[in-house]
Amino acid sequence: PSCNGWTFWHFEKDGALVPIDWLR
């Protein structure tokens, strides 16, 4: 029903998956 996209979605950085919240 809902989702916190900041913590759910990740991007690749130096071969590891990092939450996009790190950018925020």
PDB file of all heavy atoms in Angstrom:
ATOM      1  N   PRO A   1       0.812  -1.229   0.000  1.00  0.00           N
ATOM      2  CA  PRO A   1       0.000   0.000   0.000  1.00  0.00           C
ATOM      3  C   PRO A   1       0.839   1.270   0.000  1.00  0.00           C
ATOM      4  O   PRO A   1       0.384   2.330  -0.433  1.00  0.00           O
ATOM      5  CB  PRO A   1      -0.827  -0.125   1.285  1.00  0.00           C
ATOM      6  CG  PRO A   1      -0.028  -1.041   2.165  1.00  0.00           C
ATOM      7  CD  PRO A   1       0.637  -2.015   1.241  1.00  0.00           C
ATOM      8  N   SER A   2       2.056   1.213   0.537  1.00  0.00           N
ATOM      9  CA  SER A   2       2.915   2.395   0.586  1.00  0.00           C
ATOM     10  C   SER A   2       4.372   1.953   0.614  1.00  0.00           C
ATOM     11  O   SER A   2       4.684   0.772   0.836  1.00  0.00           O
ATOM     12  CB  SER A   2       2.604   3.248   1.820  1.00  0.00           C
ATOM     13  OG  SER A   2       2.866   2.512   3.007  1.00  0.00           O
ATOM     14  N   CYS A   3       5.253   2.899   0.385  1.00  0.00           N
ATOM     15  CA  CYS A   3       6.680   2.577   0.355  1.00  0.00           C
ATOM     16  C   CYS A   3       7.484   3.857   0.554  1.00  0.00           C
ATOM     17  O   CYS A   3       7.126   4.918   0.032  1.00  0.00           O
ATOM     18  CB  CYS A   3       7.048   1.933  -0.983  1.00  0.00           C
ATOM     19  SG  CYS A   3       8.834   1.727  -1.262  1.00  0.00           S
ATOM     20  N   ASN A   4       8.576   3.785   1.314  1.00  0.00           N
ATOM     21  CA  ASN A   4       9.533   4.886   1.415  1.00  0.00           C
ATOM     22  C   ASN A   4      10.580   4.660   0.320  1.00  0.00           C
ATOM     23  O   ASN A   4      11.500   3.852   0.466  1.00  0.00           O
ATOM     24  CB  ASN A   4      10.197   4.905   2.793  1.00  0.00           C
ATOM     25  CG  ASN A   4      11.164   6.071   2.956  1.00  0.00           C
ATOM     26  OD1 ASN A   4      11.541   6.732   1.978  1.00  0.00           O
ATOM     27  ND2 ASN A   4      11.575   6.325   4.181  1.00  0.00           N
ATOM     28  N   GLY A   5      10.413   5.355  -0.794  1.00  0.00           N
ATOM     29  CA  GLY A   5      11.303   5.155  -1.925  1.00  0.00           C
ATOM     30  C   GLY A   5      12.749   5.502  -1.649  1.00  0.00           C
ATOM     31  O   GLY A   5      13.662   4.919  -2.263  1.00  0.00           O
ATOM     32  N   TRP A   6      12.982   6.430  -0.708  1.00  0.00           N
ATOM     33  CA  TRP A   6      14.360   6.821  -0.379  1.00  0.00           C
ATOM     34  C   TRP A   6      15.170   5.642   0.151  1.00  0.00           C
ATOM     35  O   TRP A   6      16.360   5.514  -0.136  1.00  0.00           O
ATOM     36  CB  TRP A   6      14.362   7.950   0.642  1.00  0.00           C
ATOM     37  CG  TRP A   6      13.938   9.285   0.114  1.00  0.00           C
ATOM     38  CD1 TRP A   6      12.759   9.933   0.356  1.00  0.00           C
ATOM     39  CD2 TRP A   6      14.696  10.143  -0.744  1.00  0.00           C
ATOM     40  NE1 TRP A   6      12.727  11.138  -0.295  1.00  0.00           N
ATOM     41  CE2 TRP A   6      13.912  11.296  -0.977  1.00  0.00           C
ATOM     42  CE3 TRP A   6      15.953  10.052  -1.343  1.00  0.00           C
ATOM     43  CZ2 TRP A   6      14.342  12.350  -1.777  1.00  0.00           C
ATOM     44  CZ3 TRP A   6      16.394  11.105  -2.142  1.00  0.00           C
ATOM     45  CH2 TRP A   6      15.597  12.235  -2.360  1.00  0.00           C
ATOM     46  N   THR A   7      14.540   4.814   0.920  1.00  0.00           N
ATOM     47  CA  THR A   7      15.271   3.681   1.497  1.00  0.00           C
ATOM     48  C   THR A   7      15.094   2.398   0.688  1.00  0.00           C
ATOM     49  O   THR A   7      15.914   1.474   0.804  1.00  0.00           O
ATOM     50  CB  THR A   7      14.812   3.431   2.942  1.00  0.00           C
ATOM     51  OG1 THR A   7      13.382   3.236   2.966  1.00  0.00           O
ATOM     52  CG2 THR A   7      15.165   4.608   3.836  1.00  0.00           C
ATOM     53  N   PHE A   8      14.033   2.324  -0.155  1.00  0.00           N
ATOM     54  CA  PHE A   8      13.807   1.106  -0.938  1.00  0.00           C
ATOM     55  C   PHE A   8      14.716   1.034  -2.163  1.00  0.00           C
ATOM     56  O   PHE A   8      15.297  -0.017  -2.461  1.00  0.00           O
ATOM     57  CB  PHE A   8      12.335   1.037  -1.383  1.00  0.00           C
ATOM     58  CG  PHE A   8      12.028  -0.178  -2.222  1.00  0.00           C
ATOM     59  CD1 PHE A   8      11.912  -1.431  -1.647  1.00  0.00           C
ATOM     60  CD2 PHE A   8      11.861  -0.062  -3.614  1.00  0.00           C
ATOM     61  CE1 PHE A   8      11.637  -2.556  -2.431  1.00  0.00           C
ATOM     62  CE2 PHE A   8      11.588  -1.172  -4.389  1.00  0.00           C
ATOM     63  CZ  PHE A   8      11.477  -2.428  -3.799  1.00  0.00           C
ATOM     64  N   TRP A   9      14.855   2.152  -2.878  1.00  0.00           N
ATOM     65  CA  TRP A   9      15.620   2.135  -4.117  1.00  0.00           C
ATOM     66  C   TRP A   9      17.108   2.360  -3.871  1.00  0.00           C
ATOM     67  O   TRP A   9      17.486   3.192  -3.026  1.00  0.00           O
ATOM     68  CB  TRP A   9      15.094   3.193  -5.093  1.00  0.00           C
ATOM     69  CG  TRP A   9      13.710   2.902  -5.575  1.00  0.00           C
ATOM     70  CD1 TRP A   9      12.581   3.592  -5.297  1.00  0.00           C
ATOM     71  CD2 TRP A   9      13.326   1.814  -6.423  1.00  0.00           C
ATOM     72  NE1 TRP A   9      11.488   3.018  -5.915  1.00  0.00           N
ATOM     73  CE2 TRP A   9      11.925   1.920  -6.614  1.00  0.00           C
ATOM     74  CE3 TRP A   9      13.997   0.763  -7.040  1.00  0.00           C
ATOM     75  CZ2 TRP A   9      11.195   1.021  -7.392  1.00  0.00           C
ATOM     76  CZ3 TRP A   9      13.279  -0.140  -7.814  1.00  0.00           C
ATOM     77  CH2 TRP A   9      11.898  -0.010  -7.987  1.00  0.00           C
ATOM     78  N   HIS A  10      17.942   1.644  -4.603  1.00  0.00           N
ATOM     79  CA  HIS A  10      19.400   1.702  -4.471  1.00  0.00           C
ATOM     80  C   HIS A  10      20.052   1.966  -5.833  1.00  0.00           C
ATOM     81  O   HIS A  10      19.467   1.669  -6.874  1.00  0.00           O
ATOM     82  CB  HIS A  10      19.946   0.374  -3.919  1.00  0.00           C
ATOM     83  CG  HIS A  10      19.523   0.077  -2.510  1.00  0.00           C
ATOM     84  ND1 HIS A  10      18.207  -0.088  -2.138  1.00  0.00           N
ATOM     85  CD2 HIS A  10      20.271  -0.092  -1.375  1.00  0.00           C
ATOM     86  CE1 HIS A  10      18.148  -0.340  -0.835  1.00  0.00           C
ATOM     87  NE2 HIS A  10      19.388  -0.346  -0.359  1.00  0.00           N
ATOM     88  N   PHE A  11      21.245   2.536  -5.790  1.00  0.00           N
ATOM     89  CA  PHE A  11      22.034   2.698  -7.002  1.00  0.00           C
ATOM     90  C   PHE A  11      23.410   2.068  -6.760  1.00  0.00           C
ATOM     91  O   PHE A  11      23.818   1.852  -5.614  1.00  0.00           O
ATOM     92  CB  PHE A  11      22.167   4.174  -7.389  1.00  0.00           C
ATOM     93  CG  PHE A  11      23.027   4.983  -6.450  1.00  0.00           C
ATOM     94  CD1 PHE A  11      24.337   5.325  -6.793  1.00  0.00           C
ATOM     95  CD2 PHE A  11      22.543   5.409  -5.210  1.00  0.00           C
ATOM     96  CE1 PHE A  11      25.130   6.076  -5.940  1.00  0.00           C
ATOM     97  CE2 PHE A  11      23.339   6.151  -4.344  1.00  0.00           C
ATOM     98  CZ  PHE A  11      24.631   6.478  -4.712  1.00  0.00           C
ATOM     99  N   GLU A  12      24.093   1.779  -7.846  1.00  0.00           N
ATOM    100  CA  GLU A  12      25.388   1.118  -7.709  1.00  0.00           C
ATOM    101  C   GLU A  12      26.501   2.146  -7.545  1.00  0.00           C
ATOM    102  O   GLU A  12      26.595   3.109  -8.312  1.00  0.00           O
ATOM    103  CB  GLU A  12      25.684   0.246  -8.937  1.00  0.00           C
ATOM    104  CG  GLU A  12      26.929  -0.610  -8.776  1.00  0.00           C
ATOM    105  CD  GLU A  12      27.123  -1.598  -9.904  1.00  0.00           C
ATOM    106  OE1 GLU A  12      26.114  -1.925 -10.591  1.00  0.00           O
ATOM    107  OE2 GLU A  12      28.259  -2.042 -10.114  1.00  0.00           O
ATOM    108  N   LYS A  13      27.323   1.924  -6.529  1.00  0.00           N
ATOM    109  CA  LYS A  13      28.460   2.815  -6.263  1.00  0.00           C
ATOM    110  C   LYS A  13      29.644   1.963  -5.834  1.00  0.00           C
ATOM    111  O   LYS A  13      29.555   1.244  -4.826  1.00  0.00           O
ATOM    112  CB  LYS A  13      28.118   3.839  -5.162  1.00  0.00           C
ATOM    113  CG  LYS A  13      29.280   4.759  -4.777  1.00  0.00           C
ATOM    114  CD  LYS A  13      28.845   5.745  -3.705  1.00  0.00           C
ATOM    115  CE  LYS A  13      30.031   6.533  -3.165  1.00  0.00           C
ATOM    116  NZ  LYS A  13      30.755   7.290  -4.216  1.00  0.00           N
ATOM    117  N   ASP A  14      30.714   2.024  -6.599  1.00  0.00           N
ATOM    118  CA  ASP A  14      31.934   1.259  -6.302  1.00  0.00           C
ATOM    119  C   ASP A  14      31.634  -0.223  -6.126  1.00  0.00           C
ATOM    120  O   ASP A  14      32.151  -0.874  -5.200  1.00  0.00           O
ATOM    121  CB  ASP A  14      32.632   1.816  -5.046  1.00  0.00           C
ATOM    122  CG  ASP A  14      33.052   3.264  -5.206  1.00  0.00           C
ATOM    123  OD1 ASP A  14      33.368   3.653  -6.344  1.00  0.00           O
ATOM    124  OD2 ASP A  14      33.047   4.003  -4.199  1.00  0.00           O
ATOM    125  N   GLY A  15      30.755  -0.761  -6.972  1.00  0.00           N
ATOM    126  CA  GLY A  15      30.449  -2.178  -6.941  1.00  0.00           C
ATOM    127  C   GLY A  15      29.478  -2.609  -5.873  1.00  0.00           C
ATOM    128  O   GLY A  15      29.203  -3.806  -5.734  1.00  0.00           O
ATOM    129  N   ALA A  16      28.925  -1.656  -5.108  1.00  0.00           N
ATOM    130  CA  ALA A  16      27.974  -1.999  -4.043  1.00  0.00           C
ATOM    131  C   ALA A  16      26.678  -1.222  -4.251  1.00  0.00           C
ATOM    132  O   ALA A  16      26.666  -0.154  -4.882  1.00  0.00           O
ATOM    133  CB  ALA A  16      28.564  -1.675  -2.681  1.00  0.00           C
ATOM    134  N   LEU A  17      25.573  -1.758  -3.736  1.00  0.00           N
ATOM    135  CA  LEU A  17      24.291  -1.079  -3.807  1.00  0.00           C
ATOM    136  C   LEU A  17      24.137  -0.143  -2.607  1.00  0.00           C
ATOM    137  O   LEU A  17      24.281  -0.563  -1.457  1.00  0.00           O
ATOM    138  CB  LEU A  17      23.151  -2.096  -3.832  1.00  0.00           C
ATOM    139  CG  LEU A  17      23.002  -2.898  -5.137  1.00  0.00           C
ATOM    140  CD1 LEU A  17      21.886  -3.921  -5.000  1.00  0.00           C
ATOM    141  CD2 LEU A  17      22.731  -1.967  -6.326  1.00  0.00           C
ATOM    142  N   VAL A  18      23.845   1.129  -2.895  1.00  0.00           N
ATOM    143  CA  VAL A  18      23.724   2.155  -1.856  1.00  0.00           C
ATOM    144  C   VAL A  18      22.338   2.778  -1.940  1.00  0.00           C
ATOM    145  O   VAL A  18      21.872   3.101  -3.047  1.00  0.00           O
ATOM    146  CB  VAL A  18      24.801   3.255  -2.051  1.00  0.00           C
ATOM    147  CG1 VAL A  18      24.660   4.336  -0.993  1.00  0.00           C
ATOM    148  CG2 VAL A  18      26.193   2.638  -2.027  1.00  0.00           C
ATOM    149  N   PRO A  19      21.632   2.976  -0.815  1.00  0.00           N
ATOM    150  CA  PRO A  19      20.305   3.606  -0.862  1.00  0.00           C
ATOM    151  C   PRO A  19      20.400   5.019  -1.432  1.00  0.00           C
ATOM    152  O   PRO A  19      21.358   5.757  -1.143  1.00  0.00           O
ATOM    153  CB  PRO A  19      19.856   3.631   0.609  1.00  0.00           C
ATOM    154  CG  PRO A  19      20.711   2.625   1.299  1.00  0.00           C
ATOM    155  CD  PRO A  19      22.015   2.604   0.569  1.00  0.00           C
ATOM    156  N   ILE A  20      19.406   5.412  -2.222  1.00  0.00           N
ATOM    157  CA  ILE A  20      19.415   6.772  -2.757  1.00  0.00           C
ATOM    158  C   ILE A  20      19.282   7.806  -1.640  1.00  0.00           C
ATOM    159  O   ILE A  20      19.586   8.989  -1.839  1.00  0.00           O
ATOM    160  CB  ILE A  20      18.314   6.971  -3.820  1.00  0.00           C
ATOM    161  CG1 ILE A  20      16.921   6.724  -3.213  1.00  0.00           C
ATOM    162  CG2 ILE A  20      18.555   6.074  -5.022  1.00  0.00           C
ATOM    163  CD1 ILE A  20      15.784   7.045  -4.186  1.00  0.00           C
ATOM    164  N   ASP A  21      18.859   7.383  -0.458  1.00  0.00           N
ATOM    165  CA  ASP A  21      18.787   8.293   0.683  1.00  0.00           C
ATOM    166  C   ASP A  21      20.160   8.850   1.034  1.00  0.00           C
ATOM    167  O   ASP A  21      20.271   9.938   1.614  1.00  0.00           O
ATOM    168  CB  ASP A  21      18.176   7.565   1.894  1.00  0.00           C
ATOM    169  CG  ASP A  21      17.784   8.521   2.999  1.00  0.00           C
ATOM    170  OD1 ASP A  21      17.195   9.574   2.690  1.00  0.00           O
ATOM    171  OD2 ASP A  21      18.080   8.229   4.168  1.00  0.00           O
ATOM    172  N   TRP A  22      21.218   8.135   0.707  1.00  0.00           N
ATOM    173  CA  TRP A  22      22.583   8.608   0.953  1.00  0.00           C
ATOM    174  C   TRP A  22      22.840   9.900   0.188  1.00  0.00           C
ATOM    175  O   TRP A  22      23.506  10.806   0.687  1.00  0.00           O
ATOM    176  CB  TRP A  22      23.573   7.525   0.526  1.00  0.00           C
ATOM    177  CG  TRP A  22      25.009   7.857   0.778  1.00  0.00           C
ATOM    178  CD1 TRP A  22      25.674   7.796   1.963  1.00  0.00           C
ATOM    179  CD2 TRP A  22      25.971   8.298  -0.196  1.00  0.00           C
ATOM    180  NE1 TRP A  22      26.988   8.164   1.796  1.00  0.00           N
ATOM    181  CE2 TRP A  22      27.192   8.482   0.473  1.00  0.00           C
ATOM    182  CE3 TRP A  22      25.911   8.547  -1.567  1.00  0.00           C
ATOM    183  CZ2 TRP A  22      28.356   8.908  -0.181  1.00  0.00           C
ATOM    184  CZ3 TRP A  22      27.063   8.971  -2.223  1.00  0.00           C
ATOM    185  CH2 TRP A  22      28.262   9.152  -1.534  1.00  0.00           C
ATOM    186  N   LEU A  23      22.278  10.019  -1.005  1.00  0.00           N
ATOM    187  CA  LEU A  23      22.426  11.229  -1.801  1.00  0.00           C
ATOM    188  C   LEU A  23      21.644  12.384  -1.183  1.00  0.00           C
ATOM    189  O   LEU A  23      22.111  13.526  -1.145  1.00  0.00           O
ATOM    190  CB  LEU A  23      21.949  10.974  -3.230  1.00  0.00           C
ATOM    191  CG  LEU A  23      22.694   9.860  -3.991  1.00  0.00           C
ATOM    192  CD1 LEU A  23      22.002   9.569  -5.315  1.00  0.00           C
ATOM    193  CD2 LEU A  23      24.158  10.239  -4.202  1.00  0.00           C
ATOM    194  N   ARG A  24      20.444  12.071  -0.695  1.00  0.00           N
ATOM    195  CA  ARG A  24      19.647  13.110  -0.032  1.00  0.00           C
ATOM    196  C   ARG A  24      20.371  13.652   1.192  1.00  0.00           C
ATOM    197  O   ARG A  24      20.381  14.863   1.442  1.00  0.00           O
ATOM    198  CB  ARG A  24      18.278  12.556   0.363  1.00  0.00           C
ATOM    199  CG  ARG A  24      17.432  13.568   1.127  1.00  0.00           C
ATOM    200  CD  ARG A  24      16.027  13.097   1.403  1.00  0.00           C
ATOM    201  NE  ARG A  24      15.953  11.956   2.297  1.00  0.00           N
ATOM    202  CZ  ARG A  24      14.833  11.578   2.917  1.00  0.00           C
ATOM    203  NH1 ARG A  24      13.704  12.244   2.716  1.00  0.00           N
ATOM    204  NH2 ARG A  24      14.823  10.520   3.699  1.00  0.00           N
TER     205      ARG A  24
END
